Amino acid sequence: MKTLKIFILILLLSATVAKAQFTKAELQVSGLTCALCAKSTEKALRTLPFVGDIKTDLIRNTYLITFKNDVPVNFEQISKKVQGSGFSVNSLKATYNFDNTKVANNLFSYGGDTYKLLGTADKTTGNVEFIVVDQGFAPKSVSKKYLGQVADTAPASGRIYHLAI
């Protein structure tokens, strides 16, 4: 009986330890004209190894994507799947769990890429929602607003994504 209680306690403690990762995203796609278009895009997105579940909103042309635990998310692959279906990403809002993530100079690394926060970095605890403002992930007016005065240095590996909190 004592062993069972210890096992349950360890299980609960390990289940509550949050790992730093993207948990979900709201992807708005432009150019969708029918349910078949939305279904083909959803089918393409489901082939990505980090996608756990997708819920589609045909009225707003959005996909609520839930990511798998412990599998690195790659926004570039999401964009390529949408473009491969014949459409384009209009906006991408993502939620990141900052527990166990070190943010220095408004930068953090995840999955081999670098992420630059374009807002106050004091909001980097727990789950934080932000918008990816790079070209190809946001309307040109949004990208221009946020990226007009940003100077980046080359990351050690991967690419730099710009995130507005």
N, C-alpha and C. Protein backbone atom coordinates (compact mmCIF):
# COMPACT_ATOMS: atom_id res chain seq x y z
N MET A 1 0.82 -1.19 0.00
CA MET A 1 0.00 0.00 0.00
C MET A 1 0.87 1.26 0.00
N LYS A 2 1.95 1.21 0.80
CA LYS A 2 2.85 2.35 0.89
C LYS A 2 3.52 2.61 -0.46
N THR A 3 3.87 1.53 -1.15
CA THR A 3 4.49 1.65 -2.47
C THR A 3 3.53 2.30 -3.46
N LEU A 4 2.27 1.95 -3.39
CA LEU A 4 1.26 2.53 -4.27
C LEU A 4 1.12 4.03 -4.02
N LYS A 5 1.11 4.42 -2.75
CA LYS A 5 1.01 5.85 -2.42
C LYS A 5 2.23 6.62 -2.93
N ILE A 6 3.40 6.05 -2.79
CA ILE A 6 4.62 6.70 -3.28
C ILE A 6 4.57 6.82 -4.80
N PHE A 7 4.12 5.76 -5.47
CA PHE A 7 4.02 5.79 -6.92
C PHE A 7 3.05 6.87 -7.38
N ILE A 8 1.91 6.97 -6.74
CA ILE A 8 0.92 8.00 -7.11
C ILE A 8 1.47 9.39 -6.86
N LEU A 9 2.18 9.58 -5.76
CA LEU A 9 2.77 10.88 -5.45
C LEU A 9 3.81 11.27 -6.50
N ILE A 10 4.66 10.34 -6.87
CA ILE A 10 5.66 10.61 -7.91
C ILE A 10 4.99 10.91 -9.24
N LEU A 11 3.97 10.18 -9.57
CA LEU A 11 3.23 10.42 -10.82
C LEU A 11 2.61 11.81 -10.84
N LEU A 12 2.00 12.20 -9.75
CA LEU A 12 1.40 13.54 -9.66
C LEU A 12 2.45 14.63 -9.77
N LEU A 13 3.56 14.46 -9.09
CA LEU A 13 4.62 15.47 -9.16
C LEU A 13 5.21 15.58 -10.55
N SER A 14 5.41 14.46 -11.21
CA SER A 14 5.98 14.51 -12.55
C SER A 14 4.97 15.06 -13.56
N ALA A 15 3.71 14.85 -13.33
CA ALA A 15 2.69 15.35 -14.26
C ALA A 15 2.51 16.85 -14.12
N THR A 16 2.81 17.41 -12.96
CA THR A 16 2.61 18.83 -12.76
C THR A 16 3.84 19.66 -13.11
N VAL A 17 4.98 19.01 -13.37
CA VAL A 17 6.17 19.75 -13.77
C VAL A 17 5.98 20.21 -15.20
N ALA A 18 5.93 21.50 -15.41
CA ALA A 18 5.72 22.04 -16.75
C ALA A 18 7.05 22.19 -17.47
N LYS A 19 7.07 21.78 -18.70
CA LYS A 19 8.27 21.93 -19.51
C LYS A 19 8.06 23.11 -20.44
N ALA A 20 9.16 23.77 -20.75
CA ALA A 20 9.09 24.93 -21.63
C ALA A 20 8.77 24.46 -23.04
N GLN A 21 7.67 24.94 -23.57
CA GLN A 21 7.31 24.57 -24.93
C GLN A 21 6.10 25.37 -25.41
N PHE A 22 5.88 25.30 -26.72
CA PHE A 22 4.66 25.85 -27.29
C PHE A 22 3.54 24.87 -26.99
N THR A 23 2.40 25.39 -26.55
CA THR A 23 1.30 24.51 -26.19
C THR A 23 0.18 24.53 -27.22
N LYS A 24 -0.10 25.71 -27.79
CA LYS A 24 -1.16 25.80 -28.78
C LYS A 24 -0.94 27.02 -29.66
N ALA A 25 -1.70 27.09 -30.76
CA ALA A 25 -1.61 28.23 -31.66
C ALA A 25 -2.96 28.43 -32.36
N GLU A 26 -3.22 29.68 -32.69
CA GLU A 26 -4.38 29.99 -33.52
C GLU A 26 -3.84 30.49 -34.85
N LEU A 27 -4.10 29.75 -35.89
CA LEU A 27 -3.60 30.03 -37.22
C LEU A 27 -4.74 30.52 -38.09
N GLN A 28 -4.61 31.74 -38.62
CA GLN A 28 -5.61 32.25 -39.55
C GLN A 28 -5.04 32.17 -40.96
N VAL A 29 -5.80 31.55 -41.85
CA VAL A 29 -5.36 31.31 -43.22
C VAL A 29 -6.19 32.17 -44.16
N SER A 30 -5.53 32.84 -45.10
CA SER A 30 -6.27 33.64 -46.07
C SER A 30 -6.38 32.89 -47.39
N GLY A 31 -7.47 33.12 -48.07
CA GLY A 31 -7.70 32.49 -49.36
C GLY A 31 -8.64 31.30 -49.33
N LEU A 32 -9.06 30.87 -48.15
CA LEU A 32 -9.99 29.74 -48.06
C LEU A 32 -11.36 30.18 -48.57
N THR A 33 -11.94 29.41 -49.47
CA THR A 33 -13.24 29.78 -50.03
C THR A 33 -14.33 28.75 -49.76
N CYS A 34 -13.93 27.55 -49.34
CA CYS A 34 -14.95 26.52 -49.12
C CYS A 34 -14.46 25.53 -48.07
N ALA A 35 -15.36 24.65 -47.66
CA ALA A 35 -15.03 23.65 -46.65
C ALA A 35 -13.98 22.66 -47.17
N LEU A 36 -13.98 22.39 -48.46
CA LEU A 36 -13.00 21.47 -49.03
C LEU A 36 -11.59 22.06 -48.94
N CYS A 37 -11.48 23.38 -49.18
CA CYS A 37 -10.18 24.06 -49.04
C CYS A 37 -9.68 23.95 -47.60
N ALA A 38 -10.58 24.21 -46.66
CA ALA A 38 -10.21 24.15 -45.25
C ALA A 38 -9.82 22.74 -44.86
N LYS A 39 -10.52 21.75 -45.37
CA LYS A 39 -10.23 20.36 -45.03
C LYS A 39 -8.88 19.92 -45.58
N SER A 40 -8.55 20.35 -46.81
CA SER A 40 -7.26 19.96 -47.39
C SER A 40 -6.10 20.60 -46.62
N THR A 41 -6.29 21.84 -46.16
CA THR A 41 -5.26 22.50 -45.37
C THR A 41 -5.12 21.81 -44.01
N GLU A 42 -6.23 21.48 -43.40
CA GLU A 42 -6.20 20.77 -42.12
C GLU A 42 -5.48 19.43 -42.27
N LYS A 43 -5.77 18.72 -43.33
CA LYS A 43 -5.14 17.42 -43.57
C LYS A 43 -3.63 17.58 -43.72
N ALA A 44 -3.19 18.62 -44.41
CA ALA A 44 -1.75 18.87 -44.57
C ALA A 44 -1.10 19.21 -43.23
N LEU A 45 -1.78 20.01 -42.41
CA LEU A 45 -1.23 20.38 -41.11
C LEU A 45 -1.13 19.18 -40.18
N ARG A 46 -2.06 18.26 -40.28
CA ARG A 46 -2.06 17.07 -39.41
C ARG A 46 -0.85 16.17 -39.67
N THR A 47 -0.20 16.30 -40.82
CA THR A 47 0.96 15.46 -41.12
C THR A 47 2.21 15.92 -40.37
N LEU A 48 2.18 17.10 -39.77
CA LEU A 48 3.34 17.60 -39.05
C LEU A 48 3.51 16.81 -37.75
N PRO A 49 4.73 16.42 -37.42
CA PRO A 49 4.95 15.54 -36.26
C PRO A 49 4.64 16.17 -34.91
N PHE A 50 4.58 17.48 -34.84
CA PHE A 50 4.35 18.16 -33.56
C PHE A 50 2.90 18.55 -33.35
N VAL A 51 2.02 18.32 -34.32
CA VAL A 51 0.61 18.69 -34.21
C VAL A 51 -0.15 17.56 -33.51
N GLY A 52 -0.81 17.92 -32.41
CA GLY A 52 -1.60 16.94 -31.67
C GLY A 52 -3.04 16.91 -32.13
N ASP A 53 -3.69 18.08 -32.16
CA ASP A 53 -5.09 18.16 -32.54
C ASP A 53 -5.34 19.48 -33.25
N ILE A 54 -6.37 19.51 -34.09
CA ILE A 54 -6.74 20.73 -34.81
C ILE A 54 -8.26 20.86 -34.77
N LYS A 55 -8.70 22.06 -34.44
CA LYS A 55 -10.12 22.40 -34.53
C LYS A 55 -10.24 23.54 -35.53
N THR A 56 -11.17 23.40 -36.46
CA THR A 56 -11.31 24.35 -37.54
C THR A 56 -12.53 25.24 -37.32
N ASP A 57 -12.36 26.54 -37.56
CA ASP A 57 -13.46 27.51 -37.52
C ASP A 57 -13.60 28.08 -38.93
N LEU A 58 -14.57 27.57 -39.69
CA LEU A 58 -14.73 27.98 -41.09
C LEU A 58 -15.21 29.42 -41.24
N ILE A 59 -15.88 29.94 -40.25
CA ILE A 59 -16.39 31.31 -40.33
C ILE A 59 -15.23 32.31 -40.28
N ARG A 60 -14.27 32.07 -39.40
CA ARG A 60 -13.13 32.97 -39.24
C ARG A 60 -11.89 32.51 -40.01
N ASN A 61 -11.98 31.36 -40.70
CA ASN A 61 -10.85 30.77 -41.41
C ASN A 61 -9.66 30.54 -40.48
N THR A 62 -9.93 30.00 -39.29
CA THR A 62 -8.87 29.77 -38.33
C THR A 62 -8.79 28.29 -37.95
N TYR A 63 -7.61 27.93 -37.51
CA TYR A 63 -7.34 26.59 -37.00
C TYR A 63 -6.78 26.76 -35.60
N LEU A 64 -7.37 26.09 -34.64
CA LEU A 64 -6.82 26.06 -33.29
C LEU A 64 -6.01 24.77 -33.20
N ILE A 65 -4.70 24.94 -33.14
CA ILE A 65 -3.78 23.80 -33.16
C ILE A 65 -3.26 23.57 -31.75
N THR A 66 -3.37 22.34 -31.30
CA THR A 66 -2.78 21.93 -30.02
C THR A 66 -1.55 21.11 -30.35
N PHE A 67 -0.43 21.46 -29.72
CA PHE A 67 0.83 20.79 -30.01
C PHE A 67 1.08 19.63 -29.06
N LYS A 68 1.81 18.64 -29.55
CA LYS A 68 2.18 17.49 -28.73
C LYS A 68 3.24 17.91 -27.72
N ASN A 69 3.24 17.24 -26.58
CA ASN A 69 4.26 17.48 -25.55
C ASN A 69 5.60 16.94 -26.01
N ASP A 70 6.64 17.64 -25.66
CA ASP A 70 8.02 17.19 -25.88
C ASP A 70 8.41 17.01 -27.34
N VAL A 71 7.67 17.60 -28.27
CA VAL A 71 8.05 17.57 -29.68
C VAL A 71 8.22 19.03 -30.12
N PRO A 72 9.43 19.42 -30.55
CA PRO A 72 9.67 20.81 -30.92
C PRO A 72 8.76 21.27 -32.07
N VAL A 73 8.22 22.48 -31.91
CA VAL A 73 7.34 23.08 -32.91
C VAL A 73 8.18 23.89 -33.90
N ASN A 74 7.82 23.81 -35.17
CA ASN A 74 8.53 24.55 -36.21
C ASN A 74 7.51 25.36 -37.00
N PHE A 75 7.52 26.68 -36.79
CA PHE A 75 6.56 27.55 -37.47
C PHE A 75 6.77 27.58 -38.98
N GLU A 76 8.01 27.43 -39.42
CA GLU A 76 8.30 27.43 -40.85
C GLU A 76 7.59 26.27 -41.54
N GLN A 77 7.55 25.12 -40.90
CA GLN A 77 6.86 23.96 -41.47
C GLN A 77 5.35 24.20 -41.55
N ILE A 78 4.80 24.90 -40.56
CA ILE A 78 3.37 25.23 -40.61
C ILE A 78 3.10 26.11 -41.83
N SER A 79 3.91 27.13 -42.02
CA SER A 79 3.74 28.03 -43.16
C SER A 79 3.87 27.28 -44.49
N LYS A 80 4.84 26.39 -44.58
CA LYS A 80 5.04 25.64 -45.82
C LYS A 80 3.86 24.73 -46.13
N LYS A 81 3.27 24.12 -45.11
CA LYS A 81 2.10 23.25 -45.32
C LYS A 81 0.91 24.07 -45.82
N VAL A 82 0.72 25.26 -45.23
CA VAL A 82 -0.38 26.12 -45.67
C VAL A 82 -0.16 26.57 -47.11
N GLN A 83 1.05 27.00 -47.42
CA GLN A 83 1.37 27.44 -48.78
C GLN A 83 1.29 26.29 -49.78
N GLY A 84 1.70 25.11 -49.34
CA GLY A 84 1.61 23.93 -50.20
C GLY A 84 0.18 23.55 -50.54
N SER A 85 -0.75 23.98 -49.69
CA SER A 85 -2.18 23.74 -49.95
C SER A 85 -2.77 24.83 -50.84
N GLY A 86 -1.97 25.84 -51.19
CA GLY A 86 -2.43 26.90 -52.08
C GLY A 86 -2.93 28.14 -51.38
N PHE A 87 -2.62 28.31 -50.10
CA PHE A 87 -3.12 29.45 -49.33
C PHE A 87 -1.96 30.14 -48.63
N SER A 88 -2.25 31.13 -47.82
CA SER A 88 -1.18 31.82 -47.09
C SER A 88 -1.61 32.07 -45.65
N VAL A 89 -0.59 32.20 -44.79
CA VAL A 89 -0.82 32.47 -43.38
C VAL A 89 -1.15 33.95 -43.24
N ASN A 90 -2.28 34.25 -42.62
CA ASN A 90 -2.66 35.63 -42.38
C ASN A 90 -2.19 36.09 -41.00
N SER A 91 -2.28 35.21 -40.01
CA SER A 91 -1.75 35.52 -38.68
C SER A 91 -1.52 34.22 -37.92
N LEU A 92 -0.57 34.30 -37.00
CA LEU A 92 -0.25 33.16 -36.16
C LEU A 92 -0.06 33.65 -34.74
N LYS A 93 -1.00 33.26 -33.87
CA LYS A 93 -0.90 33.55 -32.44
C LYS A 93 -0.56 32.25 -31.75
N ALA A 94 0.46 32.29 -30.92
CA ALA A 94 0.88 31.06 -30.25
C ALA A 94 0.99 31.29 -28.75
N THR A 95 0.89 30.21 -28.00
CA THR A 95 1.04 30.25 -26.55
C THR A 95 2.26 29.42 -26.19
N TYR A 96 3.13 30.02 -25.39
CA TYR A 96 4.36 29.37 -24.97
C TYR A 96 4.39 29.29 -23.45
N ASN A 97 4.80 28.15 -22.93
CA ASN A 97 4.94 27.99 -21.49
C ASN A 97 6.38 28.33 -21.12
N PHE A 98 6.56 29.45 -20.44
CA PHE A 98 7.90 29.94 -20.11
C PHE A 98 8.50 29.32 -18.85
N ASP A 99 7.79 28.40 -18.20
CA ASP A 99 8.38 27.73 -17.05
C ASP A 99 9.64 27.01 -17.52
N ASN A 100 10.71 27.16 -16.82
CA ASN A 100 12.01 26.54 -17.15
C ASN A 100 12.66 27.11 -18.39
N THR A 101 12.30 28.33 -18.80
CA THR A 101 12.94 28.99 -19.94
C THR A 101 13.66 30.23 -19.46
N LYS A 102 14.90 30.36 -19.89
CA LYS A 102 15.67 31.54 -19.53
C LYS A 102 15.56 32.56 -20.67
N VAL A 103 15.12 33.77 -20.32
CA VAL A 103 15.02 34.86 -21.29
C VAL A 103 16.11 35.88 -20.97
N ALA A 104 16.98 36.15 -21.93
CA ALA A 104 18.06 37.11 -21.74
C ALA A 104 18.04 38.09 -22.90
N ASN A 105 18.03 39.38 -22.60
CA ASN A 105 17.98 40.43 -23.63
C ASN A 105 16.79 40.25 -24.57
N ASN A 106 15.67 39.86 -24.00
CA ASN A 106 14.43 39.60 -24.75
C ASN A 106 14.57 38.49 -25.78
N LEU A 107 15.50 37.57 -25.58
CA LEU A 107 15.72 36.43 -26.48
C LEU A 107 15.61 35.12 -25.71
N PHE A 108 15.09 34.10 -26.38
CA PHE A 108 15.15 32.75 -25.84
C PHE A 108 15.28 31.78 -27.00
N SER A 109 15.78 30.61 -26.72
CA SER A 109 15.96 29.58 -27.74
C SER A 109 15.01 28.43 -27.50
N TYR A 110 14.57 27.85 -28.59
CA TYR A 110 13.67 26.70 -28.51
C TYR A 110 13.76 25.93 -29.82
N GLY A 111 13.98 24.65 -29.74
CA GLY A 111 13.98 23.80 -30.93
C GLY A 111 14.99 24.19 -31.98
N GLY A 112 16.10 24.79 -31.58
CA GLY A 112 17.14 25.18 -32.53
C GLY A 112 16.93 26.55 -33.15
N ASP A 113 15.85 27.23 -32.80
CA ASP A 113 15.57 28.57 -33.32
C ASP A 113 15.68 29.59 -32.19
N THR A 114 15.82 30.85 -32.57
CA THR A 114 15.88 31.94 -31.60
C THR A 114 14.61 32.76 -31.73
N TYR A 115 14.07 33.17 -30.59
CA TYR A 115 12.83 33.95 -30.55
C TYR A 115 13.12 35.27 -29.85
N LYS A 116 12.78 36.36 -30.52
CA LYS A 116 13.01 37.70 -29.98
C LYS A 116 11.67 38.30 -29.57
N LEU A 117 11.56 38.68 -28.31
CA LEU A 117 10.33 39.27 -27.78
C LEU A 117 10.35 40.77 -28.05
N LEU A 118 9.30 41.26 -28.67
CA LEU A 118 9.19 42.68 -29.01
C LEU A 118 8.22 43.38 -28.08
N GLY A 119 8.24 43.02 -26.86
CA GLY A 119 7.40 43.63 -25.84
C GLY A 119 8.15 43.56 -24.54
N THR A 120 7.46 43.72 -23.47
CA THR A 120 8.13 43.65 -22.18
C THR A 120 8.40 42.21 -21.81
N ALA A 121 9.63 41.94 -21.48
CA ALA A 121 10.03 40.57 -21.15
C ALA A 121 9.64 40.19 -19.72
N ASP A 122 9.04 41.12 -18.97
CA ASP A 122 8.63 40.79 -17.61
C ASP A 122 7.38 39.92 -17.57
N LYS A 123 6.77 39.67 -18.72
CA LYS A 123 5.58 38.83 -18.81
C LYS A 123 5.94 37.41 -19.21
N THR A 124 7.14 36.97 -18.88
CA THR A 124 7.61 35.67 -19.36
C THR A 124 7.60 34.62 -18.26
N THR A 125 6.47 34.48 -17.61
CA THR A 125 6.28 33.39 -16.66
C THR A 125 4.97 32.70 -16.98
N GLY A 126 4.96 31.39 -16.87
CA GLY A 126 3.76 30.64 -17.17
C GLY A 126 3.42 30.67 -18.65
N ASN A 127 2.15 30.53 -18.97
CA ASN A 127 1.69 30.56 -20.36
C ASN A 127 1.52 31.99 -20.84
N VAL A 128 2.17 32.32 -21.94
CA VAL A 128 2.11 33.66 -22.52
C VAL A 128 1.70 33.54 -23.98
N GLU A 129 0.71 34.34 -24.38
CA GLU A 129 0.26 34.36 -25.77
C GLU A 129 0.94 35.51 -26.50
N PHE A 130 1.36 35.28 -27.72
CA PHE A 130 1.99 36.31 -28.52
C PHE A 130 1.67 36.09 -29.99
N ILE A 131 2.03 37.08 -30.80
CA ILE A 131 1.80 37.03 -32.24
C ILE A 131 3.16 36.97 -32.94
N VAL A 132 3.31 36.07 -33.89
CA VAL A 132 4.52 36.02 -34.71
C VAL A 132 4.37 37.11 -35.76
N VAL A 133 5.30 38.08 -35.77
CA VAL A 133 5.14 39.25 -36.63
C VAL A 133 6.06 39.25 -37.85
N ASP A 134 6.74 38.16 -38.10
CA ASP A 134 7.61 38.07 -39.27
C ASP A 134 6.78 38.03 -40.54
N GLN A 135 7.40 38.45 -41.65
CA GLN A 135 6.72 38.37 -42.93
C GLN A 135 6.39 36.91 -43.22
N GLY A 136 5.21 36.69 -43.73
CA GLY A 136 4.75 35.33 -43.99
C GLY A 136 3.93 34.76 -42.85
N PHE A 137 3.91 35.48 -41.70
CA PHE A 137 3.14 35.03 -40.55
C PHE A 137 2.17 36.10 -40.07
N ALA A 138 2.27 37.29 -40.61
CA ALA A 138 1.41 38.41 -40.21
C ALA A 138 1.20 39.30 -41.43
N PRO A 139 0.14 40.10 -41.43
CA PRO A 139 -0.06 41.04 -42.54
C PRO A 139 1.14 41.99 -42.66
N LYS A 140 1.40 42.49 -43.86
CA LYS A 140 2.55 43.35 -44.09
C LYS A 140 2.55 44.58 -43.19
N SER A 141 1.38 45.13 -42.91
CA SER A 141 1.32 46.32 -42.05
C SER A 141 1.78 46.00 -40.63
N VAL A 142 1.45 44.82 -40.14
CA VAL A 142 1.88 44.40 -38.80
C VAL A 142 3.38 44.15 -38.79
N SER A 143 3.88 43.44 -39.80
CA SER A 143 5.33 43.18 -39.88
C SER A 143 6.11 44.48 -39.95
N LYS A 144 5.64 45.41 -40.77
CA LYS A 144 6.34 46.69 -40.93
C LYS A 144 6.33 47.46 -39.61
N LYS A 145 5.21 47.45 -38.91
CA LYS A 145 5.10 48.16 -37.63
C LYS A 145 6.12 47.66 -36.62
N TYR A 146 6.24 46.36 -36.49
CA TYR A 146 7.11 45.78 -35.47
C TYR A 146 8.56 45.63 -35.92
N LEU A 147 8.78 45.36 -37.20
CA LEU A 147 10.13 45.04 -37.66
C LEU A 147 10.86 46.22 -38.30
N GLY A 148 10.21 47.36 -38.38
CA GLY A 148 10.80 48.51 -39.04
C GLY A 148 12.12 48.97 -38.46
N GLN A 149 12.29 48.85 -37.16
CA GLN A 149 13.51 49.34 -36.52
C GLN A 149 14.28 48.25 -35.80
N VAL A 150 14.02 46.99 -36.13
CA VAL A 150 14.69 45.87 -35.47
C VAL A 150 15.94 45.50 -36.24
N ALA A 151 17.06 45.45 -35.54
CA ALA A 151 18.32 44.99 -36.14
C ALA A 151 18.69 43.68 -35.47
N ASP A 152 18.85 42.65 -36.27
CA ASP A 152 19.17 41.33 -35.73
C ASP A 152 20.59 40.93 -36.09
N THR A 153 21.18 40.16 -35.20
CA THR A 153 22.44 39.51 -35.50
C THR A 153 22.12 38.07 -35.85
N ALA A 154 22.98 37.42 -36.56
CA ALA A 154 22.73 36.05 -36.97
C ALA A 154 22.72 35.12 -35.76
N PRO A 155 21.71 34.26 -35.65
CA PRO A 155 21.67 33.32 -34.54
C PRO A 155 22.73 32.23 -34.71
N ALA A 156 23.05 31.56 -33.63
CA ALA A 156 24.03 30.48 -33.69
C ALA A 156 23.54 29.37 -34.62
N SER A 157 22.26 29.09 -34.61
CA SER A 157 21.67 28.10 -35.51
C SER A 157 20.20 28.44 -35.68
N GLY A 158 19.58 27.87 -36.71
CA GLY A 158 18.16 28.11 -36.94
C GLY A 158 17.90 29.51 -37.46
N ARG A 159 16.73 30.03 -37.17
CA ARG A 159 16.37 31.37 -37.61
C ARG A 159 15.83 32.16 -36.44
N ILE A 160 15.65 33.46 -36.66
CA ILE A 160 15.10 34.33 -35.62
C ILE A 160 13.63 34.58 -35.95
N TYR A 161 12.77 34.33 -34.97
CA TYR A 161 11.36 34.69 -35.06
C TYR A 161 11.12 35.88 -34.14
N HIS A 162 10.29 36.80 -34.58
CA HIS A 162 9.97 37.99 -33.79
C HIS A 162 8.55 37.84 -33.25
N LEU A 163 8.41 38.05 -31.93
CA LEU A 163 7.16 37.81 -31.26
C LEU A 163 6.69 39.06 -30.54
N ALA A 164 5.47 39.49 -30.81
CA ALA A 164 4.87 40.62 -30.12
C ALA A 164 3.99 40.09 -29.01
N ILE A 165 4.27 40.56 -27.80
CA ILE A 165 3.47 40.13 -26.65
C ILE A 165 2.28 41.04 -26.51
